[in-house]
Amino acid sequence: MKLIKSLVIAAAISGLAVTGLLANDDLIKKGEKIFMNKNLGNCLACHAANGKNIDGPGSMGPKLQYLSAWPEEALYEKIYNPYTTNPISQMPAFGKNGWLSDSEIKAVVAYLKTIN
């Protein structure tokens, strides 16, 4: 009986982990679309990204690299309002200006976390 209970608990935990990974994968894909979409984030206009195939100039802003090590909150804030940490930033405040919603910014953050 204990073995069956342990197997049921292990299966439930494994199912949650897989569901979480699939949801995260969907969020990453959504973030990549926003990053690449010239009518939404248009991030590719200014940023190249380490290890990513970007079809855009990507030469005005800094090359994005090692973002997997950044805290999600810091990346979110950079997108929401970059002027809080860099008052002379040329990057638009996508969240503060209402260009991207909270969920869209979170999706972009999930995508940025895949950049090494």
N, C-alpha and C. Protein backbone atom coordinates (compact mmCIF):
# COMPACT_ATOMS: atom_id res chain seq x y z
N MET A 1 0.82 -1.19 0.00
CA MET A 1 0.00 0.00 0.00
C MET A 1 0.86 1.26 0.00
N LYS A 2 1.95 1.27 0.80
CA LYS A 2 2.84 2.42 0.83
C LYS A 2 3.51 2.63 -0.52
N LEU A 3 3.84 1.53 -1.19
CA LEU A 3 4.47 1.61 -2.50
C LEU A 3 3.52 2.25 -3.51
N ILE A 4 2.27 1.84 -3.48
CA ILE A 4 1.28 2.41 -4.41
C ILE A 4 1.09 3.90 -4.13
N LYS A 5 1.00 4.25 -2.85
CA LYS A 5 0.84 5.67 -2.48
C LYS A 5 2.04 6.48 -2.94
N SER A 6 3.24 5.94 -2.76
CA SER A 6 4.45 6.63 -3.20
C SER A 6 4.47 6.79 -4.71
N LEU A 7 4.04 5.74 -5.44
CA LEU A 7 4.00 5.83 -6.91
C LEU A 7 2.99 6.86 -7.39
N VAL A 8 1.83 6.92 -6.73
CA VAL A 8 0.81 7.90 -7.10
C VAL A 8 1.33 9.32 -6.86
N ILE A 9 1.96 9.55 -5.73
CA ILE A 9 2.52 10.87 -5.42
C ILE A 9 3.61 11.24 -6.42
N ALA A 10 4.50 10.28 -6.73
CA ALA A 10 5.57 10.54 -7.70
C ALA A 10 5.00 10.86 -9.08
N ALA A 11 3.96 10.14 -9.48
CA ALA A 11 3.34 10.39 -10.78
C ALA A 11 2.70 11.77 -10.81
N ALA A 12 2.04 12.16 -9.72
CA ALA A 12 1.41 13.48 -9.66
C ALA A 12 2.45 14.59 -9.76
N ILE A 13 3.55 14.43 -9.03
CA ILE A 13 4.62 15.44 -9.07
C ILE A 13 5.24 15.51 -10.45
N SER A 14 5.46 14.36 -11.08
CA SER A 14 6.03 14.33 -12.44
C SER A 14 5.09 15.01 -13.42
N GLY A 15 3.79 14.76 -13.27
CA GLY A 15 2.81 15.39 -14.15
C GLY A 15 2.80 16.89 -14.01
N LEU A 16 2.90 17.37 -12.78
CA LEU A 16 2.96 18.82 -12.55
C LEU A 16 4.21 19.42 -13.17
N ALA A 17 5.32 18.73 -13.03
CA ALA A 17 6.58 19.24 -13.59
C ALA A 17 6.49 19.33 -15.10
N VAL A 18 5.95 18.30 -15.75
CA VAL A 18 5.82 18.30 -17.21
C VAL A 18 4.86 19.39 -17.65
N THR A 19 3.73 19.53 -16.94
CA THR A 19 2.77 20.58 -17.27
C THR A 19 3.41 21.95 -17.14
N GLY A 20 4.19 22.15 -16.08
CA GLY A 20 4.89 23.43 -15.89
C GLY A 20 5.88 23.70 -16.99
N LEU A 21 6.60 22.66 -17.41
CA LEU A 21 7.58 22.84 -18.49
C LEU A 21 6.89 23.18 -19.80
N LEU A 22 5.76 22.52 -20.08
CA LEU A 22 5.03 22.81 -21.31
C LEU A 22 4.47 24.23 -21.29
N ALA A 23 3.94 24.65 -20.15
CA ALA A 23 3.42 26.01 -20.03
C ALA A 23 4.55 27.02 -20.21
N ASN A 24 5.70 26.73 -19.61
CA ASN A 24 6.85 27.62 -19.74
C ASN A 24 7.33 27.66 -21.20
N ASP A 25 7.31 26.52 -21.87
CA ASP A 25 7.71 26.47 -23.28
C ASP A 25 6.78 27.33 -24.14
N ASP A 26 5.49 27.28 -23.85
CA ASP A 26 4.53 28.13 -24.57
C ASP A 26 4.80 29.60 -24.31
N LEU A 27 5.13 29.93 -23.06
CA LEU A 27 5.44 31.31 -22.70
C LEU A 27 6.69 31.79 -23.43
N ILE A 28 7.70 30.94 -23.51
CA ILE A 28 8.94 31.28 -24.22
C ILE A 28 8.65 31.53 -25.69
N LYS A 29 7.85 30.67 -26.30
CA LYS A 29 7.50 30.84 -27.72
C LYS A 29 6.74 32.14 -27.95
N LYS A 30 5.83 32.46 -27.03
CA LYS A 30 5.08 33.73 -27.13
C LYS A 30 6.05 34.90 -27.02
N GLY A 31 6.99 34.81 -26.07
CA GLY A 31 7.97 35.88 -25.90
C GLY A 31 8.86 36.06 -27.12
N GLU A 32 9.23 34.95 -27.73
CA GLU A 32 10.05 35.03 -28.95
C GLU A 32 9.29 35.73 -30.07
N LYS A 33 8.01 35.42 -30.21
CA LYS A 33 7.19 36.07 -31.25
C LYS A 33 7.11 37.58 -31.00
N ILE A 34 6.94 37.97 -29.75
CA ILE A 34 6.88 39.40 -29.42
C ILE A 34 8.23 40.06 -29.71
N PHE A 35 9.32 39.39 -29.32
CA PHE A 35 10.67 39.90 -29.55
C PHE A 35 10.91 40.13 -31.04
N MET A 36 10.44 39.20 -31.86
CA MET A 36 10.70 39.24 -33.30
C MET A 36 9.68 40.07 -34.09
N ASN A 37 8.52 40.35 -33.49
CA ASN A 37 7.44 41.02 -34.20
C ASN A 37 7.69 42.51 -34.29
N LYS A 38 7.76 43.01 -35.49
CA LYS A 38 8.04 44.43 -35.70
C LYS A 38 6.89 45.33 -35.28
N ASN A 39 5.71 44.76 -35.05
CA ASN A 39 4.56 45.56 -34.61
C ASN A 39 4.32 45.47 -33.11
N LEU A 40 5.11 44.67 -32.41
CA LEU A 40 4.95 44.56 -30.95
C LEU A 40 6.22 45.03 -30.27
N GLY A 41 7.04 44.09 -29.83
CA GLY A 41 8.27 44.46 -29.13
C GLY A 41 9.30 45.07 -30.05
N ASN A 42 9.43 44.48 -31.23
CA ASN A 42 10.42 44.95 -32.21
C ASN A 42 11.83 45.01 -31.62
N CYS A 43 12.10 44.12 -30.69
CA CYS A 43 13.40 44.09 -30.01
C CYS A 43 14.53 43.85 -31.00
N LEU A 44 14.23 43.07 -32.05
CA LEU A 44 15.26 42.72 -33.03
C LEU A 44 15.77 43.94 -33.79
N ALA A 45 15.03 45.03 -33.76
CA ALA A 45 15.49 46.23 -34.46
C ALA A 45 16.76 46.79 -33.83
N CYS A 46 16.91 46.60 -32.53
CA CYS A 46 18.05 47.19 -31.82
C CYS A 46 18.99 46.16 -31.21
N HIS A 47 18.51 44.95 -30.96
CA HIS A 47 19.30 43.98 -30.22
C HIS A 47 19.61 42.72 -31.02
N ALA A 48 20.86 42.34 -31.03
CA ALA A 48 21.26 41.00 -31.41
C ALA A 48 21.24 40.19 -30.11
N ALA A 49 21.10 38.88 -30.23
CA ALA A 49 21.04 38.04 -29.03
C ALA A 49 21.97 36.85 -29.19
N ASN A 50 22.80 36.65 -28.20
CA ASN A 50 23.78 35.58 -28.21
C ASN A 50 23.10 34.22 -28.42
N GLY A 51 23.51 33.51 -29.45
CA GLY A 51 22.99 32.18 -29.71
C GLY A 51 21.64 32.13 -30.39
N LYS A 52 21.09 33.26 -30.80
CA LYS A 52 19.77 33.31 -31.44
C LYS A 52 19.91 33.81 -32.87
N ASN A 53 19.09 33.27 -33.75
CA ASN A 53 19.07 33.70 -35.14
C ASN A 53 18.08 34.86 -35.26
N ILE A 54 18.60 36.07 -35.27
CA ILE A 54 17.78 37.28 -35.31
C ILE A 54 17.83 37.87 -36.71
N ASP A 55 16.64 38.08 -37.29
CA ASP A 55 16.57 38.65 -38.63
C ASP A 55 16.25 40.14 -38.52
N GLY A 56 17.26 40.89 -38.13
CA GLY A 56 17.09 42.32 -37.99
C GLY A 56 18.44 42.97 -37.82
N PRO A 57 18.48 44.29 -37.83
CA PRO A 57 19.75 44.99 -37.73
C PRO A 57 20.49 44.69 -36.42
N GLY A 58 19.79 44.76 -35.29
CA GLY A 58 20.37 44.44 -34.01
C GLY A 58 21.68 45.12 -33.69
N SER A 59 21.82 46.38 -34.12
CA SER A 59 23.10 47.05 -33.94
C SER A 59 23.02 48.34 -33.12
N MET A 60 21.83 48.82 -32.83
CA MET A 60 21.71 50.07 -32.08
C MET A 60 21.89 49.86 -30.58
N GLY A 61 21.27 48.81 -30.06
CA GLY A 61 21.34 48.53 -28.63
C GLY A 61 22.42 47.50 -28.34
N PRO A 62 22.66 47.24 -27.08
CA PRO A 62 23.69 46.26 -26.73
C PRO A 62 23.27 44.85 -27.16
N LYS A 63 24.27 44.02 -27.46
CA LYS A 63 24.00 42.62 -27.76
C LYS A 63 23.54 41.96 -26.47
N LEU A 64 22.45 41.22 -26.55
CA LEU A 64 21.91 40.56 -25.38
C LEU A 64 22.64 39.24 -25.15
N GLN A 65 23.23 39.11 -23.99
CA GLN A 65 23.94 37.88 -23.64
C GLN A 65 23.92 37.69 -22.13
N TYR A 66 24.04 36.45 -21.72
CA TYR A 66 24.07 36.06 -20.30
C TYR A 66 22.79 36.44 -19.54
N LEU A 67 21.69 36.60 -20.25
CA LEU A 67 20.45 37.01 -19.58
C LEU A 67 19.84 35.87 -18.77
N SER A 68 20.26 34.64 -19.03
CA SER A 68 19.75 33.52 -18.24
C SER A 68 20.15 33.66 -16.78
N ALA A 69 21.19 34.41 -16.51
CA ALA A 69 21.67 34.62 -15.13
C ALA A 69 20.99 35.81 -14.45
N TRP A 70 20.28 36.63 -15.21
CA TRP A 70 19.62 37.80 -14.63
C TRP A 70 18.37 37.38 -13.86
N PRO A 71 18.05 38.07 -12.78
CA PRO A 71 16.77 37.83 -12.11
C PRO A 71 15.61 38.27 -13.01
N GLU A 72 14.52 37.52 -12.98
CA GLU A 72 13.36 37.85 -13.81
C GLU A 72 12.84 39.26 -13.52
N GLU A 73 12.88 39.65 -12.26
CA GLU A 73 12.36 40.97 -11.88
C GLU A 73 13.17 42.09 -12.54
N ALA A 74 14.48 41.90 -12.64
CA ALA A 74 15.34 42.92 -13.26
C ALA A 74 15.05 43.02 -14.75
N LEU A 75 14.86 41.88 -15.41
CA LEU A 75 14.54 41.90 -16.84
C LEU A 75 13.17 42.54 -17.06
N TYR A 76 12.21 42.20 -16.21
CA TYR A 76 10.88 42.78 -16.32
C TYR A 76 10.96 44.31 -16.21
N GLU A 77 11.69 44.79 -15.21
CA GLU A 77 11.80 46.23 -15.00
C GLU A 77 12.48 46.92 -16.17
N LYS A 78 13.50 46.27 -16.76
CA LYS A 78 14.20 46.84 -17.93
C LYS A 78 13.24 47.05 -19.09
N ILE A 79 12.30 46.12 -19.26
CA ILE A 79 11.34 46.22 -20.36
C ILE A 79 10.22 47.19 -19.98
N TYR A 80 9.74 47.08 -18.76
CA TYR A 80 8.63 47.93 -18.33
C TYR A 80 9.02 49.41 -18.37
N ASN A 81 10.17 49.73 -17.76
CA ASN A 81 10.64 51.12 -17.73
C ASN A 81 12.15 51.13 -17.56
N PRO A 82 12.90 51.14 -18.66
CA PRO A 82 14.36 51.07 -18.56
C PRO A 82 14.99 52.30 -17.90
N TYR A 83 14.24 53.37 -17.80
CA TYR A 83 14.80 54.61 -17.26
C TYR A 83 15.00 54.55 -15.75
N THR A 84 14.39 53.57 -15.08
CA THR A 84 14.58 53.46 -13.63
C THR A 84 16.02 53.08 -13.29
N THR A 85 16.66 52.33 -14.17
CA THR A 85 18.05 51.93 -13.92
C THR A 85 19.04 52.64 -14.83
N ASN A 86 18.54 53.22 -15.91
CA ASN A 86 19.41 53.94 -16.85
C ASN A 86 18.66 55.15 -17.39
N PRO A 87 18.81 56.30 -16.75
CA PRO A 87 18.03 57.48 -17.16
C PRO A 87 18.31 57.98 -18.57
N ILE A 88 19.39 57.56 -19.18
CA ILE A 88 19.70 58.01 -20.54
C ILE A 88 19.50 56.90 -21.57
N SER A 89 18.76 55.87 -21.19
CA SER A 89 18.50 54.74 -22.10
C SER A 89 17.75 55.23 -23.34
N GLN A 90 18.05 54.62 -24.46
CA GLN A 90 17.35 54.91 -25.70
C GLN A 90 16.18 53.94 -25.92
N MET A 91 16.09 52.93 -25.05
CA MET A 91 15.04 51.93 -25.17
C MET A 91 13.72 52.50 -24.67
N PRO A 92 12.65 52.27 -25.42
CA PRO A 92 11.34 52.76 -24.97
C PRO A 92 10.87 52.02 -23.72
N ALA A 93 10.03 52.66 -22.95
CA ALA A 93 9.42 52.04 -21.77
C ALA A 93 8.17 51.30 -22.23
N PHE A 94 8.35 50.05 -22.64
CA PHE A 94 7.26 49.29 -23.26
C PHE A 94 6.06 49.09 -22.35
N GLY A 95 6.29 48.88 -21.08
CA GLY A 95 5.18 48.68 -20.15
C GLY A 95 4.58 49.99 -19.69
N LYS A 96 5.42 50.90 -19.27
CA LYS A 96 4.95 52.20 -18.77
C LYS A 96 4.16 52.95 -19.83
N ASN A 97 4.59 52.82 -21.09
CA ASN A 97 3.89 53.50 -22.19
C ASN A 97 2.69 52.71 -22.69
N GLY A 98 2.48 51.49 -22.16
CA GLY A 98 1.33 50.70 -22.56
C GLY A 98 1.48 49.96 -23.87
N TRP A 99 2.68 49.88 -24.40
CA TRP A 99 2.90 49.18 -25.67
C TRP A 99 2.83 47.68 -25.52
N LEU A 100 3.27 47.18 -24.34
CA LEU A 100 3.17 45.76 -24.05
C LEU A 100 2.43 45.58 -22.73
N SER A 101 1.59 44.56 -22.68
CA SER A 101 0.85 44.26 -21.45
C SER A 101 1.75 43.52 -20.46
N ASP A 102 1.27 43.36 -19.26
CA ASP A 102 2.00 42.63 -18.24
C ASP A 102 2.32 41.21 -18.71
N SER A 103 1.33 40.53 -19.28
CA SER A 103 1.56 39.15 -19.74
C SER A 103 2.53 39.09 -20.91
N GLU A 104 2.50 40.09 -21.78
CA GLU A 104 3.45 40.12 -22.90
C GLU A 104 4.87 40.36 -22.40
N ILE A 105 5.03 41.23 -21.42
CA ILE A 105 6.37 41.47 -20.86
C ILE A 105 6.88 40.20 -20.19
N LYS A 106 6.02 39.52 -19.46
CA LYS A 106 6.43 38.27 -18.80
C LYS A 106 6.84 37.23 -19.84
N ALA A 107 6.18 37.19 -20.97
CA ALA A 107 6.54 36.26 -22.04
C ALA A 107 7.91 36.62 -22.61
N VAL A 108 8.15 37.90 -22.83
CA VAL A 108 9.46 38.34 -23.33
C VAL A 108 10.54 38.00 -22.32
N VAL A 109 10.27 38.19 -21.05
CA VAL A 109 11.24 37.83 -20.00
C VAL A 109 11.55 36.34 -20.07
N ALA A 110 10.52 35.51 -20.24
CA ALA A 110 10.75 34.05 -20.34
C ALA A 110 11.65 33.74 -21.52
N TYR A 111 11.45 34.43 -22.65
CA TYR A 111 12.31 34.22 -23.82
C TYR A 111 13.74 34.72 -23.53
N LEU A 112 13.86 35.89 -22.94
CA LEU A 112 15.19 36.45 -22.64
C LEU A 112 15.97 35.54 -21.70
N LYS A 113 15.29 34.84 -20.82
CA LYS A 113 15.97 33.93 -19.89
C LYS A 113 16.62 32.75 -20.62
N THR A 114 16.30 32.55 -21.91
CA THR A 114 16.93 31.47 -22.69
C THR A 114 18.21 31.92 -23.36
N ILE A 115 18.57 33.19 -23.20
CA ILE A 115 19.77 33.74 -23.85
C ILE A 115 20.97 33.60 -22.91
N ASN A 116 21.95 32.87 -23.37
CA ASN A 116 23.18 32.65 -22.58
C ASN A 116 24.29 33.59 -22.99
